[in-house]
Each structure stands twice: as structure tokens, then as C-alpha cells.
Amino acid sequence: MFDKLLEAQQKAQEIKTRLDHVSVSGEVEGGKIRVISSANREIKEIHIDPDFFKDLDKEDLEELLIVALNKALTQAEQISNTEMQAASQSLLGGLGGLGNLFGK
């Protein structure tokens, strides 16, 4: 059982490292505002089209940024959940009927 715990920790670290290199984005206004995040939910970049920026007031910009950020973070969470779920199923598959406790 201890071996399974070590294997799970190693697998989780491998997934985290892999997700650091997966990029997702959230866009609004046809890409005029774009947020890039890692799949580990770390914001990497924010792009705002300079021409689009000129026509915005502070409140509009803040609202659009929130929407773009939330889109990117939602995508990151979905990818992360999928990766973790696949890893847990492969690890728990060797535990007989206990593997079904956490996903089905």
C-alpha cells in the first residue's frame, strides 16, 4: 500500500509538471482581450489590443478582463481535472473494487 502512495505522489508531481507546460486561453471581443494561463491555473500573459483599449473605460476593461480570466481558468481546471481523474483511475485500478469509490 505504501508503494501505491509513493506512486500516486510521483504521478501527481509528473502531472503538475506537465500541466505547467500546457497553455490555455480565454478571449473576449473576438480576441481583442486574451488571457493565457497554464493548465495549473497560473496566469502567464494578458494581451489587450491597443486600438481596442483606447475606446474602453476602466469599468468595461475590468469586466472584460474578468470574463477572459474566468474563461482561461475554467479551461485550465477542466484539463487539470481530466488529467488527475485519468491518473487516479489508473492508480486505483489495481485496488480491486476500491477503485470505484472515487469516480463512479
PDB file of N, CA and C in Angstrom:
ATOM      1  N   MET A   1       0.822  -1.197   0.000  1.00  0.00           N
ATOM      2  CA  MET A   1       0.000   0.000   0.000  1.00  0.00           C
ATOM      3  C   MET A   1       0.865   1.260   0.000  1.00  0.00           C
ATOM      4  N   PHE A   2       1.984   1.207   0.751  1.00  0.00           N
ATOM      5  CA  PHE A   2       2.894   2.342   0.806  1.00  0.00           C
ATOM      6  C   PHE A   2       3.464   2.639  -0.582  1.00  0.00           C
ATOM      7  N   ASP A   3       3.746   1.578  -1.351  1.00  0.00           N
ATOM      8  CA  ASP A   3       4.245   1.754  -2.706  1.00  0.00           C
ATOM      9  C   ASP A   3       3.232   2.500  -3.574  1.00  0.00           C
ATOM     10  N   LYS A   4       1.956   2.184  -3.377  1.00  0.00           N
ATOM     11  CA  LYS A   4       0.902   2.867  -4.138  1.00  0.00           C
ATOM     12  C   LYS A   4       0.851   4.358  -3.793  1.00  0.00           C
ATOM     13  N   LEU A   5       1.044   4.691  -2.522  1.00  0.00           N
ATOM     14  CA  LEU A   5       1.053   6.103  -2.121  1.00  0.00           C
ATOM     15  C   LEU A   5       2.222   6.851  -2.744  1.00  0.00           C
ATOM     16  N   LEU A   6       3.390   6.238  -2.740  1.00  0.00           N
ATOM     17  CA  LEU A   6       4.550   6.863  -3.375  1.00  0.00           C
ATOM     18  C   LEU A   6       4.333   7.035  -4.876  1.00  0.00           C
ATOM     19  N   GLU A   7       3.764   6.003  -5.471  1.00  0.00           N
ATOM     20  CA  GLU A   7       3.470   6.069  -6.905  1.00  0.00           C
ATOM     21  C   GLU A   7       2.473   7.187  -7.200  1.00  0.00           C
ATOM     22  N   ALA A   8       1.467   7.332  -6.346  1.00  0.00           N
ATOM     23  CA  ALA A   8       0.468   8.391  -6.516  1.00  0.00           C
ATOM     24  C   ALA A   8       1.112   9.767  -6.386  1.00  0.00           C
ATOM     25  N   GLN A   9       2.003   9.941  -5.418  1.00  0.00           N
ATOM     26  CA  GLN A   9       2.689  11.219  -5.250  1.00  0.00           C
ATOM     27  C   GLN A   9       3.548  11.542  -6.463  1.00  0.00           C
ATOM     28  N   GLN A  10       4.266  10.556  -6.956  1.00  0.00           N
ATOM     29  CA  GLN A  10       5.105  10.770  -8.125  1.00  0.00           C
ATOM     30  C   GLN A  10       4.263  11.118  -9.347  1.00  0.00           C
ATOM     31  N   LYS A  11       3.160  10.402  -9.502  1.00  0.00           N
ATOM     32  CA  LYS A  11       2.273  10.650 -10.640  1.00  0.00           C
ATOM     33  C   LYS A  11       1.680  12.058 -10.564  1.00  0.00           C
ATOM     34  N   ALA A  12       1.271  12.471  -9.359  1.00  0.00           N
ATOM     35  CA  ALA A  12       0.715  13.816  -9.179  1.00  0.00           C
ATOM     36  C   ALA A  12       1.757  14.881  -9.523  1.00  0.00           C
ATOM     37  N   GLN A  13       2.995  14.668  -9.124  1.00  0.00           N
ATOM     38  CA  GLN A  13       4.053  15.629  -9.441  1.00  0.00           C
ATOM     39  C   GLN A  13       4.324  15.667 -10.939  1.00  0.00           C
ATOM     40  N   GLU A  14       4.314  14.494 -11.590  1.00  0.00           N
ATOM     41  CA  GLU A  14       4.501  14.441 -13.039  1.00  0.00           C
ATOM     42  C   GLU A  14       3.389  15.210 -13.751  1.00  0.00           C
ATOM     43  N   ILE A  15       2.169  15.034 -13.294  1.00  0.00           N
ATOM     44  CA  ILE A  15       1.033  15.730 -13.901  1.00  0.00           C
ATOM     45  C   ILE A  15       1.176  17.233 -13.705  1.00  0.00           C
ATOM     46  N   LYS A  16       1.527  17.659 -12.502  1.00  0.00           N
ATOM     47  CA  LYS A  16       1.697  19.092 -12.231  1.00  0.00           C
ATOM     48  C   LYS A  16       2.767  19.685 -13.140  1.00  0.00           C
ATOM     49  N   THR A  17       3.877  18.980 -13.288  1.00  0.00           N
ATOM     50  CA  THR A  17       4.947  19.459 -14.161  1.00  0.00           C
ATOM     51  C   THR A  17       4.465  19.550 -15.599  1.00  0.00           C
ATOM     52  N   ARG A  18       3.739  18.526 -16.054  1.00  0.00           N
ATOM     53  CA  ARG A  18       3.220  18.544 -17.421  1.00  0.00           C
ATOM     54  C   ARG A  18       2.221  19.685 -17.616  1.00  0.00           C
ATOM     55  N   LEU A  19       1.354  19.906 -16.636  1.00  0.00           N
ATOM     56  CA  LEU A  19       0.347  20.963 -16.750  1.00  0.00           C
ATOM     57  C   LEU A  19       0.970  22.357 -16.741  1.00  0.00           C
ATOM     58  N   ASP A  20       2.160  22.488 -16.156  1.00  0.00           N
ATOM     59  CA  ASP A  20       2.866  23.775 -16.201  1.00  0.00           C
ATOM     60  C   ASP A  20       3.198  24.168 -17.632  1.00  0.00           C
ATOM     61  N   HIS A  21       3.306  23.168 -18.519  1.00  0.00           N
ATOM     62  CA  HIS A  21       3.700  23.428 -19.902  1.00  0.00           C
ATOM     63  C   HIS A  21       2.519  23.422 -20.872  1.00  0.00           C
ATOM     64  N   VAL A  22       1.318  23.267 -20.341  1.00  0.00           N
ATOM     65  CA  VAL A  22       0.115  23.313 -21.178  1.00  0.00           C
ATOM     66  C   VAL A  22      -0.494  24.710 -21.031  1.00  0.00           C
ATOM     67  N   SER A  23      -0.710  25.355 -22.177  1.00  0.00           N
ATOM     68  CA  SER A  23      -1.295  26.698 -22.154  1.00  0.00           C
ATOM     69  C   SER A  23      -2.746  26.654 -22.590  1.00  0.00           C
ATOM     70  N   VAL A  24      -3.547  27.454 -21.926  1.00  0.00           N
ATOM     71  CA  VAL A  24      -4.949  27.648 -22.299  1.00  0.00           C
ATOM     72  C   VAL A  24      -5.181  29.147 -22.400  1.00  0.00           C
ATOM     73  N   SER A  25      -6.257  29.518 -23.070  1.00  0.00           N
ATOM     74  CA  SER A  25      -6.524  30.956 -23.187  1.00  0.00           C
ATOM     75  C   SER A  25      -8.003  31.239 -23.030  1.00  0.00           C
ATOM     76  N   GLY A  26      -8.272  32.459 -22.636  1.00  0.00           N
ATOM     77  CA  GLY A  26      -9.631  32.977 -22.577  1.00  0.00           C
ATOM     78  C   GLY A  26      -9.652  34.274 -23.354  1.00  0.00           C
ATOM     79  N   GLU A  27     -10.611  34.393 -24.262  1.00  0.00           N
ATOM     80  CA  GLU A  27     -10.686  35.578 -25.104  1.00  0.00           C
ATOM     81  C   GLU A  27     -12.063  36.209 -25.022  1.00  0.00           C
ATOM     82  N   VAL A  28     -12.079  37.516 -25.199  1.00  0.00           N
ATOM     83  CA  VAL A  28     -13.330  38.261 -25.317  1.00  0.00           C
ATOM     84  C   VAL A  28     -13.189  39.246 -26.466  1.00  0.00           C
ATOM     85  N   GLU A  29     -14.328  39.682 -26.944  1.00  0.00           N
ATOM     86  CA  GLU A  29     -14.373  40.664 -28.031  1.00  0.00           C
ATOM     87  C   GLU A  29     -13.550  40.215 -29.235  1.00  0.00           C
ATOM     88  N   GLY A  30     -13.742  38.948 -29.611  1.00  0.00           N
ATOM     89  CA  GLY A  30     -13.064  38.431 -30.798  1.00  0.00           C
ATOM     90  C   GLY A  30     -11.551  38.392 -30.680  1.00  0.00           C
ATOM     91  N   GLY A  31     -11.056  38.204 -29.484  1.00  0.00           N
ATOM     92  CA  GLY A  31      -9.619  38.106 -29.271  1.00  0.00           C
ATOM     93  C   GLY A  31      -8.927  39.426 -28.982  1.00  0.00           C
ATOM     94  N   LYS A  32      -9.704  40.486 -28.859  1.00  0.00           N
ATOM     95  CA  LYS A  32      -9.091  41.793 -28.574  1.00  0.00           C
ATOM     96  C   LYS A  32      -8.523  41.851 -27.161  1.00  0.00           C
ATOM     97  N   ILE A  33      -9.083  41.031 -26.276  1.00  0.00           N
ATOM     98  CA  ILE A  33      -8.500  40.817 -24.951  1.00  0.00           C
ATOM     99  C   ILE A  33      -8.321  39.308 -24.814  1.00  0.00           C
ATOM    100  N   ARG A  34      -7.087  38.900 -24.520  1.00  0.00           N
ATOM    101  CA  ARG A  34      -6.781  37.474 -24.409  1.00  0.00           C
ATOM    102  C   ARG A  34      -5.911  37.230 -23.185  1.00  0.00           C
ATOM    103  N   VAL A  35      -6.271  36.210 -22.421  1.00  0.00           N
ATOM    104  CA  VAL A  35      -5.528  35.824 -21.231  1.00  0.00           C
ATOM    105  C   VAL A  35      -4.962  34.427 -21.477  1.00  0.00           C
ATOM    106  N   ILE A  36      -3.672  34.264 -21.229  1.00  0.00           N
ATOM    107  CA  ILE A  36      -3.005  32.972 -21.358  1.00  0.00           C
ATOM    108  C   ILE A  36      -2.675  32.483 -19.952  1.00  0.00           C
ATOM    109  N   SER A  37      -3.008  31.220 -19.698  1.00  0.00           N
ATOM    110  CA  SER A  37      -2.767  30.613 -18.394  1.00  0.00           C
ATOM    111  C   SER A  37      -2.141  29.238 -18.606  1.00  0.00           C
ATOM    112  N   SER A  38      -1.423  28.763 -17.598  1.00  0.00           N
ATOM    113  CA  SER A  38      -1.006  27.364 -17.627  1.00  0.00           C
ATOM    114  C   SER A  38      -2.204  26.528 -17.188  1.00  0.00           C
ATOM    115  N   ALA A  39      -2.137  25.230 -17.449  1.00  0.00           N
ATOM    116  CA  ALA A  39      -3.219  24.348 -17.005  1.00  0.00           C
ATOM    117  C   ALA A  39      -3.203  24.186 -15.485  1.00  0.00           C
ATOM    118  N   ASN A  40      -2.184  24.704 -14.827  1.00  0.00           N
ATOM    119  CA  ASN A  40      -2.135  24.735 -13.361  1.00  0.00           C
ATOM    120  C   ASN A  40      -2.729  26.034 -12.814  1.00  0.00           C
ATOM    121  N   ARG A  41      -3.434  26.740 -13.652  1.00  0.00           N
ATOM    122  CA  ARG A  41      -4.163  27.958 -13.261  1.00  0.00           C
ATOM    123  C   ARG A  41      -3.250  29.109 -12.857  1.00  0.00           C
ATOM    124  N   GLU A  42      -2.125  29.231 -13.523  1.00  0.00           N
ATOM    125  CA  GLU A  42      -1.231  30.352 -13.293  1.00  0.00           C
ATOM    126  C   GLU A  42      -1.298  31.262 -14.517  1.00  0.00           C
ATOM    127  N   ILE A  43      -1.701  32.515 -14.313  1.00  0.00           N
ATOM    128  CA  ILE A  43      -1.809  33.463 -15.414  1.00  0.00           C
ATOM    129  C   ILE A  43      -0.409  33.781 -15.910  1.00  0.00           C
ATOM    130  N   LYS A  44      -0.195  33.618 -17.218  1.00  0.00           N
ATOM    131  CA  LYS A  44       1.115  33.847 -17.822  1.00  0.00           C
ATOM    132  C   LYS A  44       1.178  35.163 -18.590  1.00  0.00           C
ATOM    133  N   GLU A  45       0.092  35.492 -19.293  1.00  0.00           N
ATOM    134  CA  GLU A  45       0.095  36.689 -20.136  1.00  0.00           C
ATOM    135  C   GLU A  45      -1.315  37.267 -20.222  1.00  0.00           C
ATOM    136  N   ILE A  46      -1.353  38.575 -20.444  1.00  0.00           N
ATOM    137  CA  ILE A  46      -2.602  39.265 -20.763  1.00  0.00           C
ATOM    138  C   ILE A  46      -2.309  40.161 -21.957  1.00  0.00           C
ATOM    139  N   HIS A  47      -3.080  39.973 -23.032  1.00  0.00           N
ATOM    140  CA  HIS A  47      -2.919  40.787 -24.235  1.00  0.00           C
ATOM    141  C   HIS A  47      -4.169  41.639 -24.414  1.00  0.00           C
ATOM    142  N   ILE A  48      -3.971  42.915 -24.631  1.00  0.00           N
ATOM    143  CA  ILE A  48      -5.087  43.818 -24.931  1.00  0.00           C
ATOM    144  C   ILE A  48      -4.719  44.577 -26.200  1.00  0.00           C
ATOM    145  N   ASP A  49      -5.557  44.477 -27.209  1.00  0.00           N
ATOM    146  CA  ASP A  49      -5.331  45.196 -28.454  1.00  0.00           C
ATOM    147  C   ASP A  49      -5.270  46.693 -28.161  1.00  0.00           C
ATOM    148  N   PRO A  50      -4.193  47.363 -28.546  1.00  0.00           N
ATOM    149  CA  PRO A  50      -4.036  48.789 -28.215  1.00  0.00           C
ATOM    150  C   PRO A  50      -5.159  49.671 -28.769  1.00  0.00           C
ATOM    151  N   ASP A  51      -5.631  49.364 -29.972  1.00  0.00           N
ATOM    152  CA  ASP A  51      -6.714  50.168 -30.548  1.00  0.00           C
ATOM    153  C   ASP A  51      -8.016  49.968 -29.790  1.00  0.00           C
ATOM    154  N   PHE A  52      -8.270  48.737 -29.373  1.00  0.00           N
ATOM    155  CA  PHE A  52      -9.475  48.419 -28.604  1.00  0.00           C
ATOM    156  C   PHE A  52      -9.414  49.089 -27.238  1.00  0.00           C
ATOM    157  N   PHE A  53      -8.243  49.102 -26.657  1.00  0.00           N
ATOM    158  CA  PHE A  53      -8.022  49.667 -25.330  1.00  0.00           C
ATOM    159  C   PHE A  53      -8.373  51.159 -25.283  1.00  0.00           C
ATOM    160  N   LYS A  54      -8.133  51.863 -26.357  1.00  0.00           N
ATOM    161  CA  LYS A  54      -8.385  53.315 -26.402  1.00  0.00           C
ATOM    162  C   LYS A  54      -9.858  53.647 -26.194  1.00  0.00           C
ATOM    163  N   ASP A  55     -10.736  52.764 -26.624  1.00  0.00           N
ATOM    164  CA  ASP A  55     -12.174  53.035 -26.586  1.00  0.00           C
ATOM    165  C   ASP A  55     -12.853  52.546 -25.309  1.00  0.00           C
ATOM    166  N   LEU A  56     -12.100  51.954 -24.394  1.00  0.00           N
ATOM    167  CA  LEU A  56     -12.695  51.391 -23.185  1.00  0.00           C
ATOM    168  C   LEU A  56     -12.546  52.334 -22.000  1.00  0.00           C
ATOM    169  N   ASP A  57     -13.555  52.297 -21.132  1.00  0.00           N
ATOM    170  CA  ASP A  57     -13.367  52.970 -19.841  1.00  0.00           C
ATOM    171  C   ASP A  57     -12.932  51.906 -18.834  1.00  0.00           C
ATOM    172  N   LYS A  58     -12.554  52.331 -17.676  1.00  0.00           N
ATOM    173  CA  LYS A  58     -11.991  51.456 -16.654  1.00  0.00           C
ATOM    174  C   LYS A  58     -12.928  50.298 -16.306  1.00  0.00           C
ATOM    175  N   GLU A  59     -14.205  50.588 -16.097  1.00  0.00           N
ATOM    176  CA  GLU A  59     -15.160  49.555 -15.692  1.00  0.00           C
ATOM    177  C   GLU A  59     -15.347  48.502 -16.774  1.00  0.00           C
ATOM    178  N   ASP A  60     -15.438  48.943 -18.034  1.00  0.00           N
ATOM    179  CA  ASP A  60     -15.591  47.988 -19.136  1.00  0.00           C
ATOM    180  C   ASP A  60     -14.370  47.080 -19.241  1.00  0.00           C
ATOM    181  N   LEU A  61     -13.198  47.660 -19.130  1.00  0.00           N
ATOM    182  CA  LEU A  61     -11.972  46.874 -19.198  1.00  0.00           C
ATOM    183  C   LEU A  61     -11.915  45.849 -18.067  1.00  0.00           C
ATOM    184  N   GLU A  62     -12.252  46.269 -16.867  1.00  0.00           N
ATOM    185  CA  GLU A  62     -12.235  45.354 -15.721  1.00  0.00           C
ATOM    186  C   GLU A  62     -13.208  44.195 -15.928  1.00  0.00           C
ATOM    187  N   GLU A  63     -14.412  44.498 -16.413  1.00  0.00           N
ATOM    188  CA  GLU A  63     -15.406  43.446 -16.647  1.00  0.00           C
ATOM    189  C   GLU A  63     -14.936  42.459 -17.713  1.00  0.00           C
ATOM    190  N   LEU A  64     -14.376  42.977 -18.799  1.00  0.00           N
ATOM    191  CA  LEU A  64     -13.908  42.102 -19.868  1.00  0.00           C
ATOM    192  C   LEU A  64     -12.716  41.259 -19.418  1.00  0.00           C
ATOM    193  N   LEU A  65     -11.841  41.839 -18.628  1.00  0.00           N
ATOM    194  CA  LEU A  65     -10.712  41.077 -18.101  1.00  0.00           C
ATOM    195  C   LEU A  65     -11.189  39.940 -17.199  1.00  0.00           C
ATOM    196  N   ILE A  66     -12.168  40.204 -16.381  1.00  0.00           N
ATOM    197  CA  ILE A  66     -12.712  39.160 -15.502  1.00  0.00           C
ATOM    198  C   ILE A  66     -13.283  38.023 -16.335  1.00  0.00           C
ATOM    199  N   VAL A  67     -14.015  38.345 -17.380  1.00  0.00           N
ATOM    200  CA  VAL A  67     -14.592  37.310 -18.243  1.00  0.00           C
ATOM    201  C   VAL A  67     -13.479  36.486 -18.896  1.00  0.00           C
ATOM    202  N   ALA A  68     -12.463  37.153 -19.438  1.00  0.00           N
ATOM    203  CA  ALA A  68     -11.361  36.448 -20.102  1.00  0.00           C
ATOM    204  C   ALA A  68     -10.579  35.588 -19.108  1.00  0.00           C
ATOM    205  N   LEU A  69     -10.315  36.131 -17.937  1.00  0.00           N
ATOM    206  CA  LEU A  69      -9.608  35.371 -16.899  1.00  0.00           C
ATOM    207  C   LEU A  69     -10.399  34.129 -16.495  1.00  0.00           C
ATOM    208  N   ASN A  70     -11.678  34.289 -16.278  1.00  0.00           N
ATOM    209  CA  ASN A  70     -12.510  33.153 -15.874  1.00  0.00           C
ATOM    210  C   ASN A  70     -12.586  32.089 -16.964  1.00  0.00           C
ATOM    211  N   LYS A  71     -12.619  32.498 -18.220  1.00  0.00           N
ATOM    212  CA  LYS A  71     -12.626  31.529 -19.317  1.00  0.00           C
ATOM    213  C   LYS A  71     -11.331  30.723 -19.322  1.00  0.00           C
ATOM    214  N   ALA A  72     -10.209  31.397 -19.180  1.00  0.00           N
ATOM    215  CA  ALA A  72      -8.916  30.705 -19.174  1.00  0.00           C
ATOM    216  C   ALA A  72      -8.813  29.768 -17.980  1.00  0.00           C
ATOM    217  N   LEU A  73      -9.219  30.231 -16.813  1.00  0.00           N
ATOM    218  CA  LEU A  73      -9.125  29.405 -15.607  1.00  0.00           C
ATOM    219  C   LEU A  73     -10.074  28.208 -15.655  1.00  0.00           C
ATOM    220  N   THR A  74     -11.228  28.373 -16.281  1.00  0.00           N
ATOM    221  CA  THR A  74     -12.163  27.260 -16.439  1.00  0.00           C
ATOM    222  C   THR A  74     -11.562  26.185 -17.335  1.00  0.00           C
ATOM    223  N   GLN A  75     -10.947  26.609 -18.435  1.00  0.00           N
ATOM    224  CA  GLN A  75     -10.290  25.640 -19.317  1.00  0.00           C
ATOM    225  C   GLN A  75      -9.158  24.925 -18.584  1.00  0.00           C
ATOM    226  N   ALA A  76      -8.381  25.675 -17.826  1.00  0.00           N
ATOM    227  CA  ALA A  76      -7.273  25.089 -17.070  1.00  0.00           C
ATOM    228  C   ALA A  76      -7.792  24.058 -16.077  1.00  0.00           C
ATOM    229  N   GLU A  77      -8.859  24.383 -15.401  1.00  0.00           N
ATOM    230  CA  GLU A  77      -9.429  23.460 -14.414  1.00  0.00           C
ATOM    231  C   GLU A  77      -9.938  22.187 -15.078  1.00  0.00           C
ATOM    232  N   GLN A  78     -10.568  22.324 -16.237  1.00  0.00           N
ATOM    233  CA  GLN A  78     -11.073  21.148 -16.941  1.00  0.00           C
ATOM    234  C   GLN A  78      -9.941  20.218 -17.351  1.00  0.00           C
ATOM    235  N   ILE A  79      -8.862  20.784 -17.858  1.00  0.00           N
ATOM    236  CA  ILE A  79      -7.716  19.967 -18.262  1.00  0.00           C
ATOM    237  C   ILE A  79      -7.092  19.304 -17.041  1.00  0.00           C
ATOM    238  N   SER A  80      -6.916  20.059 -15.980  1.00  0.00           N
ATOM    239  CA  SER A  80      -6.323  19.525 -14.755  1.00  0.00           C
ATOM    240  C   SER A  80      -7.179  18.389 -14.188  1.00  0.00           C
ATOM    241  N   ASN A  81      -8.480  18.592 -14.131  1.00  0.00           N
ATOM    242  CA  ASN A  81      -9.381  17.558 -13.615  1.00  0.00           C
ATOM    243  C   ASN A  81      -9.330  16.291 -14.462  1.00  0.00           C
ATOM    244  N   THR A  82      -9.288  16.455 -15.768  1.00  0.00           N
ATOM    245  CA  THR A  82      -9.217  15.307 -16.662  1.00  0.00           C
ATOM    246  C   THR A  82      -7.934  14.519 -16.438  1.00  0.00           C
ATOM    247  N   GLU A  83      -6.821  15.234 -16.320  1.00  0.00           N
ATOM    248  CA  GLU A  83      -5.529  14.572 -16.088  1.00  0.00           C
ATOM    249  C   GLU A  83      -5.522  13.830 -14.749  1.00  0.00           C
ATOM    250  N   MET A  84      -5.999  14.488 -13.701  1.00  0.00           N
ATOM    251  CA  MET A  84      -5.995  13.865 -12.379  1.00  0.00           C
ATOM    252  C   MET A  84      -6.949  12.665 -12.326  1.00  0.00           C
ATOM    253  N   GLN A  85      -8.075  12.789 -12.978  1.00  0.00           N
ATOM    254  CA  GLN A  85      -9.047  11.696 -12.991  1.00  0.00           C
ATOM    255  C   GLN A  85      -8.462  10.473 -13.707  1.00  0.00           C
ATOM    256  N   ALA A  86      -7.796  10.703 -14.821  1.00  0.00           N
ATOM    257  CA  ALA A  86      -7.182   9.593 -15.554  1.00  0.00           C
ATOM    258  C   ALA A  86      -6.085   8.936 -14.714  1.00  0.00           C
ATOM    259  N   ALA A  87      -5.298   9.753 -14.032  1.00  0.00           N
ATOM    260  CA  ALA A  87      -4.232   9.204 -13.191  1.00  0.00           C
ATOM    261  C   ALA A  87      -4.800   8.420 -12.022  1.00  0.00           C
ATOM    262  N   SER A  88      -5.831   8.952 -11.392  1.00  0.00           N
ATOM    263  CA  SER A  88      -6.398   8.249 -10.233  1.00  0.00           C
ATOM    264  C   SER A  88      -7.048   6.944 -10.649  1.00  0.00           C
ATOM    265  N   GLN A  89      -7.669   6.900 -11.807  1.00  0.00           N
ATOM    266  CA  GLN A  89      -8.270   5.654 -12.273  1.00  0.00           C
ATOM    267  C   GLN A  89      -7.212   4.608 -12.553  1.00  0.00           C
ATOM    268  N   SER A  90      -6.079   5.028 -13.135  1.00  0.00           N
ATOM    269  CA  SER A  90      -5.040   4.043 -13.420  1.00  0.00           C
ATOM    270  C   SER A  90      -4.394   3.553 -12.129  1.00  0.00           C
ATOM    271  N   LEU A  91      -4.221   4.438 -11.147  1.00  0.00           N
ATOM    272  CA  LEU A  91      -3.633   4.026  -9.870  1.00  0.00           C
ATOM    273  C   LEU A  91      -4.592   3.178  -9.047  1.00  0.00           C
ATOM    274  N   LEU A  92      -5.855   3.572  -9.026  1.00  0.00           N
ATOM    275  CA  LEU A  92      -6.836   2.854  -8.215  1.00  0.00           C
ATOM    276  C   LEU A  92      -7.326   1.578  -8.882  1.00  0.00           C
ATOM    277  N   GLY A  93      -7.054   1.450 -10.166  1.00  0.00           N
ATOM    278  CA  GLY A  93      -7.476   0.246 -10.875  1.00  0.00           C
ATOM    279  C   GLY A  93      -6.879  -1.012 -10.280  1.00  0.00           C
ATOM    280  N   GLY A  94      -5.710  -0.896  -9.681  1.00  0.00           N
ATOM    281  CA  GLY A  94      -5.059  -2.045  -9.085  1.00  0.00           C
ATOM    282  C   GLY A  94      -5.546  -2.367  -7.686  1.00  0.00           C
ATOM    283  N   LEU A  95      -6.526  -1.637  -7.172  1.00  0.00           N
ATOM    284  CA  LEU A  95      -7.017  -1.865  -5.820  1.00  0.00           C
ATOM    285  C   LEU A  95      -8.340  -2.619  -5.793  1.00  0.00           C
ATOM    286  N   GLY A  96      -8.654  -3.303  -6.867  1.00  0.00           N
ATOM    287  CA  GLY A  96      -9.895  -4.069  -6.893  1.00  0.00           C
ATOM    288  C   GLY A  96     -11.100  -3.162  -6.903  1.00  0.00           C
ATOM    289  N   GLY A  97     -12.113  -3.480  -6.103  1.00  0.00           N
ATOM    290  CA  GLY A  97     -13.355  -2.723  -6.047  1.00  0.00           C
ATOM    291  C   GLY A  97     -13.195  -1.350  -5.437  1.00  0.00           C
ATOM    292  N   LEU A  98     -12.098  -1.092  -4.734  1.00  0.00           N
ATOM    293  CA  LEU A  98     -11.903   0.229  -4.128  1.00  0.00           C
ATOM    294  C   LEU A  98     -11.707   1.322  -5.149  1.00  0.00           C
ATOM    295  N   GLY A  99     -11.260   0.968  -6.348  1.00  0.00           N
ATOM    296  CA  GLY A  99     -11.021   1.958  -7.386  1.00  0.00           C
ATOM    297  C   GLY A  99     -12.277   2.701  -7.794  1.00  0.00           C
ATOM    298  N   ASN A 100     -13.442   2.118  -7.560  1.00  0.00           N
ATOM    299  CA  ASN A 100     -14.693   2.761  -7.953  1.00  0.00           C
ATOM    300  C   ASN A 100     -15.220   3.745  -6.905  1.00  0.00           C
ATOM    301  N   LEU A 101     -14.573   3.837  -5.779  1.00  0.00           N
ATOM    302  CA  LEU A 101     -15.051   4.748  -4.745  1.00  0.00           C
ATOM    303  C   LEU A 101     -14.958   6.209  -5.132  1.00  0.00           C
ATOM    304  N   PHE A 102     -13.986   6.559  -5.980  1.00  0.00           N
ATOM    305  CA  PHE A 102     -13.676   7.957  -6.222  1.00  0.00           C
ATOM    306  C   PHE A 102     -14.086   8.471  -7.583  1.00  0.00           C
ATOM    307  N   GLY A 103     -14.757   7.758  -8.387  1.00  0.00           N
ATOM    308  CA  GLY A 103     -15.049   8.314  -9.676  1.00  0.00           C
ATOM    309  C   GLY A 103     -16.331   7.823 -10.299  1.00  0.00           C
ATOM    310  N   LYS A 104     -16.924   6.824  -9.738  1.00  0.00           N
ATOM    311  CA  LYS A 104     -18.104   6.277 -10.416  1.00  0.00           C
ATOM    312  C   LYS A 104     -19.253   6.108  -9.495  1.00  0.00           C
TER     313      LYS A 104
END
